[in-house]
Amino acid sequence: EQYNEEMDDQNNSNGNGDDLGLQPKPFIELPKLASSIQIDSDILSLLTNAFDDEGKLSSTTFPSLGRLRSKVRTLKRDILSTVDSILSLSSTKERLAVESGGALTMEINGRLVIPISQDKYSQNSMMGIVHDASRSGKTAYVEPTEIVGPTNELRQAEGELRAEEARVWRELTESIIRHRKELERNVKVIGHLDV
């Protein structure tokens, strides 16, 4: 408190600190630094619009991704709908191996399967493709024939989606590399402004 009073007395006797060099000086360099930040409108637009609200590559900015994502969603929905229809059939219900209370569907190596009693499958192997069996050998995990083709199509669409996402990432990376010097210069200027 005594220190503050002494400083107030000193400031008052020296004309508000002018003699001590405490007079505020305008920030002459800040506007000059700020005006040196320049970003190419194309790269700014690309980076601003490249991602959606979830941080994923935007389906709007990259319509090919939107089409492929829609195709994958539709195929998944159709496959699940087909499996639900199969599970509702009385002929399927009597073949299910659900005595252990397990799930009616599961995924094995990217394939949707249903648990079928091994002895019921042996009687009608046209039900689908066995992808696995239980340890006891009493249950076969069967991909129904009706979804083999659609699941193959789904896997292909997912592969196309991954390839298109990789292409878009490469495109973004190449754009950033083309503007690297400009971006590095701007980062340096922003660093100076931040100090």
N, C-alpha and C. Protein backbone atom coordinates (compact mmCIF):
# COMPACT_ATOMS: atom_id res chain seq x y z
N GLU A 1 0.83 -1.19 0.00
CA GLU A 1 0.00 0.00 0.00
C GLU A 1 0.87 1.25 0.00
N GLN A 2 1.91 1.25 0.84
CA GLN A 2 2.83 2.40 0.89
C GLN A 2 3.52 2.57 -0.46
N TYR A 3 3.88 1.47 -1.12
CA TYR A 3 4.53 1.52 -2.43
C TYR A 3 3.61 2.20 -3.44
N ASN A 4 2.32 1.80 -3.45
CA ASN A 4 1.36 2.39 -4.38
C ASN A 4 1.22 3.88 -4.16
N GLU A 5 1.20 4.31 -2.90
CA GLU A 5 1.09 5.74 -2.60
C GLU A 5 2.32 6.49 -3.11
N GLU A 6 3.51 5.91 -2.91
CA GLU A 6 4.74 6.56 -3.38
C GLU A 6 4.73 6.68 -4.90
N MET A 7 4.26 5.63 -5.61
CA MET A 7 4.21 5.68 -7.07
C MET A 7 3.21 6.74 -7.54
N ASP A 8 2.06 6.84 -6.84
CA ASP A 8 1.09 7.87 -7.19
C ASP A 8 1.69 9.26 -7.01
N ASP A 9 2.42 9.46 -5.89
CA ASP A 9 3.06 10.76 -5.64
C ASP A 9 4.07 11.05 -6.74
N GLN A 10 4.87 10.03 -7.11
CA GLN A 10 5.89 10.23 -8.12
C GLN A 10 5.26 10.54 -9.48
N ASN A 11 4.18 9.83 -9.83
CA ASN A 11 3.50 10.08 -11.09
C ASN A 11 2.90 11.48 -11.12
N ASN A 12 2.33 11.90 -10.01
CA ASN A 12 1.73 13.23 -9.96
C ASN A 12 2.78 14.31 -10.07
N SER A 13 3.94 14.11 -9.44
CA SER A 13 4.98 15.13 -9.47
C SER A 13 5.69 15.17 -10.81
N ASN A 14 5.62 14.10 -11.58
CA ASN A 14 6.30 14.04 -12.87
C ASN A 14 5.35 14.21 -14.05
N GLY A 15 4.17 14.69 -13.81
CA GLY A 15 3.23 14.87 -14.93
C GLY A 15 2.71 13.56 -15.47
N ASN A 16 2.20 12.73 -14.59
CA ASN A 16 1.60 11.44 -14.97
C ASN A 16 2.61 10.48 -15.60
N GLY A 17 3.85 10.56 -15.22
CA GLY A 17 4.82 9.58 -15.66
C GLY A 17 5.52 9.92 -16.94
N ASP A 18 5.26 11.12 -17.53
CA ASP A 18 5.90 11.48 -18.79
C ASP A 18 7.42 11.49 -18.67
N ASP A 19 7.91 11.99 -17.55
CA ASP A 19 9.35 12.09 -17.37
C ASP A 19 10.02 10.73 -17.23
N LEU A 20 9.24 9.73 -16.83
CA LEU A 20 9.80 8.39 -16.65
C LEU A 20 9.69 7.55 -17.93
N GLY A 21 9.11 8.10 -18.95
CA GLY A 21 8.96 7.36 -20.20
C GLY A 21 7.81 6.37 -20.15
N LEU A 22 6.84 6.64 -19.28
CA LEU A 22 5.72 5.71 -19.12
C LEU A 22 4.51 6.09 -19.96
N GLN A 23 4.63 7.12 -20.75
CA GLN A 23 3.53 7.55 -21.60
C GLN A 23 3.24 6.44 -22.62
N PRO A 24 1.95 6.04 -22.74
CA PRO A 24 1.63 4.98 -23.70
C PRO A 24 1.96 5.42 -25.12
N LYS A 25 2.56 4.49 -25.88
CA LYS A 25 2.89 4.75 -27.27
C LYS A 25 1.94 3.95 -28.15
N PRO A 26 1.55 4.52 -29.27
CA PRO A 26 0.65 3.76 -30.15
C PRO A 26 1.35 2.52 -30.71
N PHE A 27 0.56 1.50 -30.99
CA PHE A 27 1.09 0.25 -31.54
C PHE A 27 1.24 0.42 -33.05
N ILE A 28 2.32 1.01 -33.44
CA ILE A 28 2.56 1.32 -34.85
C ILE A 28 2.77 0.05 -35.67
N GLU A 29 3.47 -0.92 -35.11
CA GLU A 29 3.84 -2.12 -35.86
C GLU A 29 2.69 -3.12 -36.02
N LEU A 30 1.74 -3.12 -35.08
CA LEU A 30 0.67 -4.14 -35.13
C LEU A 30 -0.16 -4.06 -36.41
N PRO A 31 -0.65 -2.88 -36.80
CA PRO A 31 -1.43 -2.84 -38.05
C PRO A 31 -0.60 -3.25 -39.26
N LYS A 32 0.69 -2.89 -39.25
CA LYS A 32 1.57 -3.25 -40.36
C LYS A 32 1.72 -4.78 -40.42
N LEU A 33 1.93 -5.40 -39.24
CA LEU A 33 2.05 -6.87 -39.20
C LEU A 33 0.74 -7.53 -39.64
N ALA A 34 -0.36 -7.04 -39.09
CA ALA A 34 -1.66 -7.64 -39.41
C ALA A 34 -1.97 -7.54 -40.89
N SER A 35 -1.62 -6.42 -41.51
CA SER A 35 -1.92 -6.25 -42.94
C SER A 35 -1.04 -7.14 -43.82
N SER A 36 0.05 -7.65 -43.25
CA SER A 36 0.92 -8.52 -44.05
C SER A 36 0.40 -9.96 -44.12
N ILE A 37 -0.66 -10.27 -43.34
CA ILE A 37 -1.27 -11.61 -43.39
C ILE A 37 -2.17 -11.67 -44.61
N GLN A 38 -1.80 -12.50 -45.55
CA GLN A 38 -2.58 -12.66 -46.77
C GLN A 38 -2.75 -14.14 -47.06
N ILE A 39 -3.99 -14.51 -47.30
CA ILE A 39 -4.29 -15.92 -47.59
C ILE A 39 -5.01 -15.99 -48.93
N ASP A 40 -4.54 -16.85 -49.78
CA ASP A 40 -5.17 -17.07 -51.07
C ASP A 40 -6.63 -17.47 -50.85
N SER A 41 -7.53 -16.84 -51.56
CA SER A 41 -8.96 -17.09 -51.36
C SER A 41 -9.34 -18.54 -51.67
N ASP A 42 -8.67 -19.17 -52.62
CA ASP A 42 -8.99 -20.56 -52.96
C ASP A 42 -8.65 -21.51 -51.81
N ILE A 43 -7.46 -21.33 -51.23
CA ILE A 43 -7.06 -22.22 -50.12
C ILE A 43 -7.91 -21.93 -48.89
N LEU A 44 -8.24 -20.67 -48.65
CA LEU A 44 -9.09 -20.31 -47.52
C LEU A 44 -10.47 -20.96 -47.67
N SER A 45 -11.04 -20.85 -48.86
CA SER A 45 -12.35 -21.45 -49.12
C SER A 45 -12.30 -22.97 -48.98
N LEU A 46 -11.26 -23.56 -49.53
CA LEU A 46 -11.12 -25.02 -49.46
C LEU A 46 -11.04 -25.50 -48.01
N LEU A 47 -10.18 -24.86 -47.22
CA LEU A 47 -10.00 -25.29 -45.84
C LEU A 47 -11.21 -24.95 -44.97
N THR A 48 -11.89 -23.86 -45.28
CA THR A 48 -13.07 -23.47 -44.52
C THR A 48 -14.22 -24.45 -44.75
N ASN A 49 -14.34 -24.94 -45.97
CA ASN A 49 -15.48 -25.79 -46.33
C ASN A 49 -15.17 -27.28 -46.39
N ALA A 50 -13.92 -27.66 -46.14
CA ALA A 50 -13.51 -29.05 -46.33
C ALA A 50 -14.13 -30.02 -45.32
N PHE A 51 -14.52 -29.50 -44.14
CA PHE A 51 -14.97 -30.39 -43.07
C PHE A 51 -16.39 -30.04 -42.63
N ASP A 52 -17.13 -31.07 -42.22
CA ASP A 52 -18.49 -30.84 -41.72
C ASP A 52 -18.44 -30.56 -40.22
N ASP A 53 -19.61 -30.45 -39.60
CA ASP A 53 -19.69 -30.13 -38.17
C ASP A 53 -19.10 -31.22 -37.28
N GLU A 54 -18.99 -32.43 -37.80
CA GLU A 54 -18.42 -33.55 -37.03
C GLU A 54 -16.92 -33.70 -37.27
N GLY A 55 -16.36 -32.84 -38.11
CA GLY A 55 -14.92 -32.90 -38.40
C GLY A 55 -14.56 -33.89 -39.49
N LYS A 56 -15.57 -34.44 -40.17
CA LYS A 56 -15.31 -35.36 -41.28
C LYS A 56 -15.24 -34.56 -42.57
N LEU A 57 -14.62 -35.13 -43.58
CA LEU A 57 -14.60 -34.49 -44.89
C LEU A 57 -16.04 -34.24 -45.33
N SER A 58 -16.30 -33.04 -45.80
CA SER A 58 -17.66 -32.61 -46.12
C SER A 58 -18.21 -33.29 -47.37
N SER A 59 -19.41 -33.85 -47.23
CA SER A 59 -20.11 -34.46 -48.37
C SER A 59 -20.62 -33.39 -49.32
N THR A 60 -20.80 -32.17 -48.82
CA THR A 60 -21.27 -31.06 -49.66
C THR A 60 -20.13 -30.53 -50.52
N THR A 61 -18.98 -30.31 -49.90
CA THR A 61 -17.83 -29.80 -50.63
C THR A 61 -17.30 -30.84 -51.60
N PHE A 62 -17.37 -32.09 -51.21
CA PHE A 62 -16.88 -33.20 -52.05
C PHE A 62 -18.07 -34.13 -52.35
N PRO A 63 -18.88 -33.80 -53.37
CA PRO A 63 -20.10 -34.56 -53.67
C PRO A 63 -19.87 -36.04 -53.93
N SER A 64 -18.71 -36.40 -54.45
CA SER A 64 -18.44 -37.82 -54.69
C SER A 64 -18.45 -38.59 -53.37
N LEU A 65 -17.95 -37.97 -52.30
CA LEU A 65 -18.00 -38.61 -50.99
C LEU A 65 -19.45 -38.74 -50.52
N GLY A 66 -20.24 -37.71 -50.77
CA GLY A 66 -21.65 -37.74 -50.38
C GLY A 66 -22.40 -38.87 -51.06
N ARG A 67 -22.15 -39.04 -52.35
CA ARG A 67 -22.82 -40.12 -53.10
C ARG A 67 -22.41 -41.49 -52.55
N LEU A 68 -21.12 -41.67 -52.32
CA LEU A 68 -20.65 -42.97 -51.82
C LEU A 68 -21.14 -43.24 -50.40
N ARG A 69 -21.13 -42.23 -49.55
CA ARG A 69 -21.64 -42.41 -48.19
C ARG A 69 -23.13 -42.77 -48.20
N SER A 70 -23.87 -42.12 -49.08
CA SER A 70 -25.30 -42.42 -49.20
C SER A 70 -25.50 -43.86 -49.68
N LYS A 71 -24.69 -44.28 -50.64
CA LYS A 71 -24.78 -45.65 -51.15
C LYS A 71 -24.49 -46.66 -50.05
N VAL A 72 -23.46 -46.40 -49.24
CA VAL A 72 -23.10 -47.31 -48.14
C VAL A 72 -24.25 -47.37 -47.13
N ARG A 73 -24.81 -46.21 -46.76
CA ARG A 73 -25.93 -46.18 -45.80
C ARG A 73 -27.13 -46.97 -46.33
N THR A 74 -27.44 -46.78 -47.61
CA THR A 74 -28.59 -47.47 -48.21
C THR A 74 -28.37 -48.97 -48.23
N LEU A 75 -27.19 -49.40 -48.63
CA LEU A 75 -26.89 -50.84 -48.67
C LEU A 75 -26.98 -51.45 -47.27
N LYS A 76 -26.42 -50.76 -46.27
CA LYS A 76 -26.49 -51.28 -44.89
C LYS A 76 -27.93 -51.40 -44.43
N ARG A 77 -28.72 -50.37 -44.70
CA ARG A 77 -30.13 -50.37 -44.29
C ARG A 77 -30.87 -51.53 -44.98
N ASP A 78 -30.62 -51.70 -46.27
CA ASP A 78 -31.30 -52.78 -47.01
C ASP A 78 -30.90 -54.16 -46.50
N ILE A 79 -29.62 -54.33 -46.19
CA ILE A 79 -29.14 -55.62 -45.67
C ILE A 79 -29.79 -55.92 -44.32
N LEU A 80 -29.82 -54.92 -43.45
CA LEU A 80 -30.44 -55.13 -42.13
C LEU A 80 -31.94 -55.42 -42.25
N SER A 81 -32.59 -54.75 -43.18
CA SER A 81 -34.01 -54.99 -43.42
C SER A 81 -34.24 -56.43 -43.91
N THR A 82 -33.38 -56.88 -44.81
CA THR A 82 -33.48 -58.26 -45.33
C THR A 82 -33.27 -59.26 -44.20
N VAL A 83 -32.27 -59.02 -43.37
CA VAL A 83 -32.00 -59.95 -42.25
C VAL A 83 -33.19 -59.96 -41.29
N ASP A 84 -33.77 -58.80 -41.01
CA ASP A 84 -34.95 -58.75 -40.13
C ASP A 84 -36.09 -59.58 -40.73
N SER A 85 -36.26 -59.47 -42.04
CA SER A 85 -37.32 -60.26 -42.71
C SER A 85 -37.04 -61.75 -42.59
N ILE A 86 -35.78 -62.14 -42.79
CA ILE A 86 -35.39 -63.56 -42.69
C ILE A 86 -35.65 -64.07 -41.28
N LEU A 87 -35.28 -63.25 -40.28
CA LEU A 87 -35.44 -63.67 -38.88
C LEU A 87 -36.91 -63.77 -38.48
N SER A 88 -37.79 -63.08 -39.17
CA SER A 88 -39.21 -63.13 -38.83
C SER A 88 -39.91 -64.37 -39.42
N LEU A 89 -39.25 -65.08 -40.35
CA LEU A 89 -39.84 -66.28 -40.95
C LEU A 89 -39.87 -67.42 -39.94
N SER A 90 -40.95 -68.14 -39.92
CA SER A 90 -41.06 -69.27 -38.98
C SER A 90 -40.02 -70.35 -39.30
N SER A 91 -39.71 -70.53 -40.60
CA SER A 91 -38.72 -71.55 -40.98
C SER A 91 -37.33 -71.20 -40.43
N THR A 92 -37.04 -69.89 -40.32
CA THR A 92 -35.75 -69.46 -39.76
C THR A 92 -35.77 -69.58 -38.25
N LYS A 93 -36.88 -69.17 -37.64
CA LYS A 93 -36.99 -69.19 -36.17
C LYS A 93 -36.74 -70.59 -35.61
N GLU A 94 -37.23 -71.62 -36.32
CA GLU A 94 -37.05 -72.98 -35.80
C GLU A 94 -35.62 -73.50 -35.99
N ARG A 95 -34.83 -72.81 -36.81
CA ARG A 95 -33.44 -73.22 -37.01
C ARG A 95 -32.44 -72.45 -36.15
N LEU A 96 -32.90 -71.33 -35.56
CA LEU A 96 -31.99 -70.48 -34.78
C LEU A 96 -31.43 -71.21 -33.56
N ALA A 97 -30.19 -70.94 -33.29
CA ALA A 97 -29.54 -71.49 -32.10
C ALA A 97 -29.46 -70.36 -31.08
N VAL A 98 -30.55 -70.21 -30.33
CA VAL A 98 -30.61 -69.10 -29.37
C VAL A 98 -30.82 -69.59 -27.94
N GLU A 99 -30.58 -70.87 -27.71
CA GLU A 99 -30.79 -71.40 -26.37
C GLU A 99 -29.89 -70.76 -25.33
N SER A 100 -28.75 -70.22 -25.77
CA SER A 100 -27.82 -69.59 -24.82
C SER A 100 -28.19 -68.12 -24.58
N GLY A 101 -29.23 -67.64 -25.28
CA GLY A 101 -29.66 -66.25 -25.10
C GLY A 101 -28.77 -65.25 -25.81
N GLY A 102 -27.98 -65.70 -26.77
CA GLY A 102 -27.08 -64.81 -27.50
C GLY A 102 -27.83 -63.93 -28.49
N ALA A 103 -27.09 -63.09 -29.15
CA ALA A 103 -27.66 -62.17 -30.13
C ALA A 103 -28.17 -62.92 -31.35
N LEU A 104 -29.17 -62.34 -32.01
CA LEU A 104 -29.72 -62.97 -33.21
C LEU A 104 -28.87 -62.68 -34.44
N THR A 105 -28.08 -61.64 -34.38
CA THR A 105 -27.15 -61.35 -35.47
C THR A 105 -25.81 -60.93 -34.89
N MET A 106 -24.79 -61.15 -35.66
CA MET A 106 -23.46 -60.67 -35.30
C MET A 106 -22.66 -60.48 -36.58
N GLU A 107 -21.53 -59.82 -36.45
CA GLU A 107 -20.69 -59.58 -37.62
C GLU A 107 -19.40 -60.37 -37.47
N ILE A 108 -19.06 -61.11 -38.49
CA ILE A 108 -17.80 -61.85 -38.51
C ILE A 108 -17.09 -61.48 -39.81
N ASN A 109 -15.89 -60.92 -39.66
CA ASN A 109 -15.10 -60.49 -40.81
C ASN A 109 -15.89 -59.63 -41.78
N GLY A 110 -16.68 -58.72 -41.22
CA GLY A 110 -17.44 -57.80 -42.05
C GLY A 110 -18.68 -58.40 -42.68
N ARG A 111 -19.05 -59.59 -42.27
CA ARG A 111 -20.23 -60.26 -42.83
C ARG A 111 -21.26 -60.44 -41.73
N LEU A 112 -22.51 -60.10 -42.00
CA LEU A 112 -23.59 -60.26 -41.04
C LEU A 112 -24.05 -61.72 -41.05
N VAL A 113 -24.04 -62.33 -39.86
CA VAL A 113 -24.40 -63.75 -39.75
C VAL A 113 -25.47 -63.94 -38.69
N ILE A 114 -26.17 -65.08 -38.79
CA ILE A 114 -27.14 -65.45 -37.77
C ILE A 114 -26.74 -66.83 -37.23
N PRO A 115 -27.03 -67.07 -35.95
CA PRO A 115 -26.67 -68.37 -35.35
C PRO A 115 -27.71 -69.44 -35.70
N ILE A 116 -27.26 -70.47 -36.36
CA ILE A 116 -28.14 -71.57 -36.78
C ILE A 116 -27.64 -72.85 -36.11
N SER A 117 -28.57 -73.65 -35.62
CA SER A 117 -28.19 -74.95 -35.04
C SER A 117 -27.48 -75.76 -36.11
N GLN A 118 -26.35 -76.32 -35.76
CA GLN A 118 -25.52 -77.05 -36.73
C GLN A 118 -26.31 -78.18 -37.38
N ASP A 119 -27.10 -78.91 -36.60
CA ASP A 119 -27.85 -80.03 -37.18
C ASP A 119 -28.93 -79.53 -38.16
N LYS A 120 -29.51 -78.36 -37.91
CA LYS A 120 -30.51 -77.80 -38.84
C LYS A 120 -29.82 -77.30 -40.12
N TYR A 121 -28.60 -76.78 -39.97
CA TYR A 121 -27.87 -76.31 -41.14
C TYR A 121 -27.48 -77.51 -42.01
N SER A 122 -27.08 -78.59 -41.37
CA SER A 122 -26.67 -79.79 -42.11
C SER A 122 -27.81 -80.32 -42.97
N GLN A 123 -29.04 -80.11 -42.51
CA GLN A 123 -30.21 -80.57 -43.27
C GLN A 123 -30.50 -79.66 -44.48
N ASN A 124 -30.06 -78.39 -44.41
CA ASN A 124 -30.34 -77.45 -45.50
C ASN A 124 -29.17 -76.48 -45.64
N SER A 125 -28.13 -76.91 -46.31
CA SER A 125 -26.94 -76.08 -46.45
C SER A 125 -27.13 -74.95 -47.46
N MET A 126 -28.30 -74.89 -48.11
CA MET A 126 -28.60 -73.82 -49.06
C MET A 126 -28.97 -72.52 -48.34
N MET A 127 -29.00 -72.55 -47.01
CA MET A 127 -29.38 -71.37 -46.23
C MET A 127 -28.39 -70.23 -46.39
N GLY A 128 -27.14 -70.58 -46.60
CA GLY A 128 -26.14 -69.52 -46.71
C GLY A 128 -24.74 -70.06 -46.50
N ILE A 129 -23.83 -69.15 -46.23
CA ILE A 129 -22.41 -69.49 -46.09
C ILE A 129 -22.04 -69.48 -44.62
N VAL A 130 -21.41 -70.55 -44.16
CA VAL A 130 -20.93 -70.61 -42.77
C VAL A 130 -19.61 -69.85 -42.67
N HIS A 131 -19.57 -68.90 -41.76
CA HIS A 131 -18.34 -68.12 -41.55
C HIS A 131 -17.62 -68.50 -40.28
N ASP A 132 -18.31 -69.20 -39.38
CA ASP A 132 -17.67 -69.61 -38.13
C ASP A 132 -18.59 -70.62 -37.45
N ALA A 133 -18.09 -71.22 -36.40
CA ALA A 133 -18.88 -72.15 -35.60
C ALA A 133 -18.55 -71.93 -34.14
N SER A 134 -19.46 -72.32 -33.27
CA SER A 134 -19.21 -72.18 -31.84
C SER A 134 -18.17 -73.20 -31.41
N ARG A 135 -17.60 -73.00 -30.24
CA ARG A 135 -16.58 -73.94 -29.73
C ARG A 135 -17.15 -75.34 -29.55
N SER A 136 -18.40 -75.37 -29.15
CA SER A 136 -19.04 -76.67 -28.93
C SER A 136 -19.37 -77.37 -30.26
N GLY A 137 -19.43 -76.58 -31.35
CA GLY A 137 -19.77 -77.14 -32.65
C GLY A 137 -21.28 -77.26 -32.85
N LYS A 138 -22.06 -76.80 -31.88
CA LYS A 138 -23.52 -76.92 -31.99
C LYS A 138 -24.14 -75.79 -32.80
N THR A 139 -23.39 -74.69 -32.97
CA THR A 139 -23.93 -73.53 -33.67
C THR A 139 -23.04 -73.15 -34.85
N ALA A 140 -23.69 -72.93 -35.99
CA ALA A 140 -23.00 -72.42 -37.17
C ALA A 140 -23.43 -70.97 -37.36
N TYR A 141 -22.46 -70.11 -37.64
CA TYR A 141 -22.77 -68.69 -37.88
C TYR A 141 -22.84 -68.50 -39.39
N VAL A 142 -24.07 -68.34 -39.87
CA VAL A 142 -24.38 -68.40 -41.30
C VAL A 142 -24.77 -67.03 -41.84
N GLU A 143 -24.13 -66.68 -42.96
CA GLU A 143 -24.54 -65.49 -43.70
C GLU A 143 -25.64 -65.95 -44.65
N PRO A 144 -26.87 -65.42 -44.48
CA PRO A 144 -27.97 -65.86 -45.36
C PRO A 144 -27.66 -65.59 -46.83
N THR A 145 -28.03 -66.51 -47.68
CA THR A 145 -27.80 -66.40 -49.12
C THR A 145 -28.33 -65.08 -49.68
N GLU A 146 -29.47 -64.63 -49.14
CA GLU A 146 -30.12 -63.42 -49.65
C GLU A 146 -29.27 -62.15 -49.49
N ILE A 147 -28.31 -62.18 -48.56
CA ILE A 147 -27.52 -60.95 -48.35
C ILE A 147 -26.07 -61.08 -48.81
N VAL A 148 -25.69 -62.21 -49.37
CA VAL A 148 -24.31 -62.39 -49.84
C VAL A 148 -23.97 -61.36 -50.91
N GLY A 149 -24.81 -61.27 -51.94
CA GLY A 149 -24.58 -60.31 -53.03
C GLY A 149 -24.59 -58.87 -52.54
N PRO A 150 -25.65 -58.44 -51.81
CA PRO A 150 -25.66 -57.08 -51.29
C PRO A 150 -24.48 -56.76 -50.36
N THR A 151 -24.03 -57.75 -49.57
CA THR A 151 -22.88 -57.52 -48.69
C THR A 151 -21.61 -57.35 -49.51
N ASN A 152 -21.48 -58.14 -50.60
CA ASN A 152 -20.33 -57.95 -51.49
C ASN A 152 -20.35 -56.54 -52.09
N GLU A 153 -21.54 -56.09 -52.49
CA GLU A 153 -21.69 -54.74 -53.04
C GLU A 153 -21.36 -53.68 -51.99
N LEU A 154 -21.77 -53.93 -50.75
CA LEU A 154 -21.46 -53.01 -49.65
C LEU A 154 -19.95 -52.92 -49.44
N ARG A 155 -19.27 -54.06 -49.40
CA ARG A 155 -17.81 -54.07 -49.21
C ARG A 155 -17.12 -53.30 -50.34
N GLN A 156 -17.62 -53.47 -51.56
CA GLN A 156 -17.04 -52.76 -52.70
C GLN A 156 -17.26 -51.25 -52.54
N ALA A 157 -18.47 -50.85 -52.15
CA ALA A 157 -18.78 -49.42 -51.96
C ALA A 157 -17.93 -48.82 -50.84
N GLU A 158 -17.73 -49.59 -49.77
CA GLU A 158 -16.88 -49.11 -48.67
C GLU A 158 -15.44 -48.92 -49.13
N GLY A 159 -14.96 -49.84 -49.98
CA GLY A 159 -13.62 -49.71 -50.54
C GLY A 159 -13.51 -48.48 -51.43
N GLU A 160 -14.54 -48.24 -52.25
CA GLU A 160 -14.55 -47.05 -53.11
C GLU A 160 -14.56 -45.78 -52.26
N LEU A 161 -15.32 -45.81 -51.16
CA LEU A 161 -15.38 -44.65 -50.26
C LEU A 161 -14.02 -44.37 -49.64
N ARG A 162 -13.36 -45.43 -49.17
CA ARG A 162 -12.01 -45.25 -48.58
C ARG A 162 -11.04 -44.68 -49.62
N ALA A 163 -11.12 -45.19 -50.85
CA ALA A 163 -10.23 -44.71 -51.92
C ALA A 163 -10.52 -43.24 -52.24
N GLU A 164 -11.79 -42.88 -52.28
CA GLU A 164 -12.16 -41.48 -52.59
C GLU A 164 -11.74 -40.55 -51.44
N GLU A 165 -11.90 -41.00 -50.20
CA GLU A 165 -11.44 -40.19 -49.06
C GLU A 165 -9.93 -39.98 -49.14
N ALA A 166 -9.20 -41.01 -49.48
CA ALA A 166 -7.74 -40.90 -49.61
C ALA A 166 -7.39 -39.92 -50.73
N ARG A 167 -8.13 -39.96 -51.84
CA ARG A 167 -7.88 -39.03 -52.94
C ARG A 167 -8.12 -37.58 -52.50
N VAL A 168 -9.21 -37.36 -51.76
CA VAL A 168 -9.53 -36.01 -51.29
C VAL A 168 -8.46 -35.53 -50.30
N TRP A 169 -8.03 -36.41 -49.40
CA TRP A 169 -6.96 -36.03 -48.46
C TRP A 169 -5.69 -35.64 -49.21
N ARG A 170 -5.36 -36.41 -50.27
CA ARG A 170 -4.17 -36.07 -51.08
C ARG A 170 -4.34 -34.70 -51.72
N GLU A 171 -5.54 -34.44 -52.24
CA GLU A 171 -5.83 -33.16 -52.88
C GLU A 171 -5.66 -32.00 -51.87
N LEU A 172 -6.19 -32.19 -50.67
CA LEU A 172 -6.05 -31.17 -49.63
C LEU A 172 -4.58 -30.95 -49.28
N THR A 173 -3.86 -32.04 -49.12
CA THR A 173 -2.44 -31.96 -48.78
C THR A 173 -1.66 -31.25 -49.86
N GLU A 174 -1.92 -31.57 -51.12
CA GLU A 174 -1.22 -30.93 -52.23
C GLU A 174 -1.53 -29.43 -52.28
N SER A 175 -2.77 -29.05 -51.98
CA SER A 175 -3.12 -27.63 -51.95
C SER A 175 -2.36 -26.90 -50.85
N ILE A 176 -2.25 -27.53 -49.70
CA ILE A 176 -1.52 -26.92 -48.59
C ILE A 176 -0.04 -26.81 -48.94
N ILE A 177 0.51 -27.84 -49.56
CA ILE A 177 1.92 -27.80 -49.95
C ILE A 177 2.17 -26.69 -50.97
N ARG A 178 1.24 -26.51 -51.92
CA ARG A 178 1.39 -25.43 -52.91
C ARG A 178 1.41 -24.05 -52.25
N HIS A 179 0.71 -23.91 -51.13
CA HIS A 179 0.62 -22.63 -50.42
C HIS A 179 1.48 -22.62 -49.15
N ARG A 180 2.42 -23.52 -49.08
CA ARG A 180 3.22 -23.71 -47.87
C ARG A 180 3.95 -22.44 -47.44
N LYS A 181 4.66 -21.81 -48.35
CA LYS A 181 5.44 -20.62 -47.99
C LYS A 181 4.54 -19.52 -47.46
N GLU A 182 3.44 -19.30 -48.14
CA GLU A 182 2.47 -18.29 -47.72
C GLU A 182 1.94 -18.60 -46.32
N LEU A 183 1.58 -19.87 -46.10
CA LEU A 183 1.05 -20.27 -44.80
C LEU A 183 2.10 -20.15 -43.70
N GLU A 184 3.35 -20.56 -43.99
CA GLU A 184 4.43 -20.44 -43.00
C GLU A 184 4.68 -18.99 -42.65
N ARG A 185 4.68 -18.12 -43.67
CA ARG A 185 4.88 -16.69 -43.42
C ARG A 185 3.77 -16.15 -42.51
N ASN A 186 2.54 -16.53 -42.80
CA ASN A 186 1.41 -16.07 -41.99
C ASN A 186 1.50 -16.58 -40.55
N VAL A 187 1.92 -17.81 -40.38
CA VAL A 187 2.08 -18.36 -39.03
C VAL A 187 3.14 -17.57 -38.27
N LYS A 188 4.22 -17.23 -38.94
CA LYS A 188 5.29 -16.45 -38.32
C LYS A 188 4.77 -15.07 -37.89
N VAL A 189 4.01 -14.41 -38.77
CA VAL A 189 3.45 -13.10 -38.45
C VAL A 189 2.49 -13.20 -37.27
N ILE A 190 1.64 -14.21 -37.29
CA ILE A 190 0.68 -14.40 -36.18
C ILE A 190 1.43 -14.64 -34.88
N GLY A 191 2.56 -15.36 -34.95
CA GLY A 191 3.40 -15.57 -33.77
C GLY A 191 3.91 -14.25 -33.22
N HIS A 192 4.31 -13.34 -34.12
CA HIS A 192 4.77 -12.01 -33.68
C HIS A 192 3.64 -11.22 -33.05
N LEU A 193 2.46 -11.31 -33.64
CA LEU A 193 1.30 -10.60 -33.10
C LEU A 193 0.93 -11.15 -31.72
N ASP A 194 1.09 -12.43 -31.54
CA ASP A 194 0.73 -13.06 -30.29
C ASP A 194 1.67 -12.68 -29.15
N VAL A 195 2.90 -12.34 -29.50
CA VAL A 195 3.89 -11.96 -28.48
C VAL A 195 3.51 -10.61 -27.96
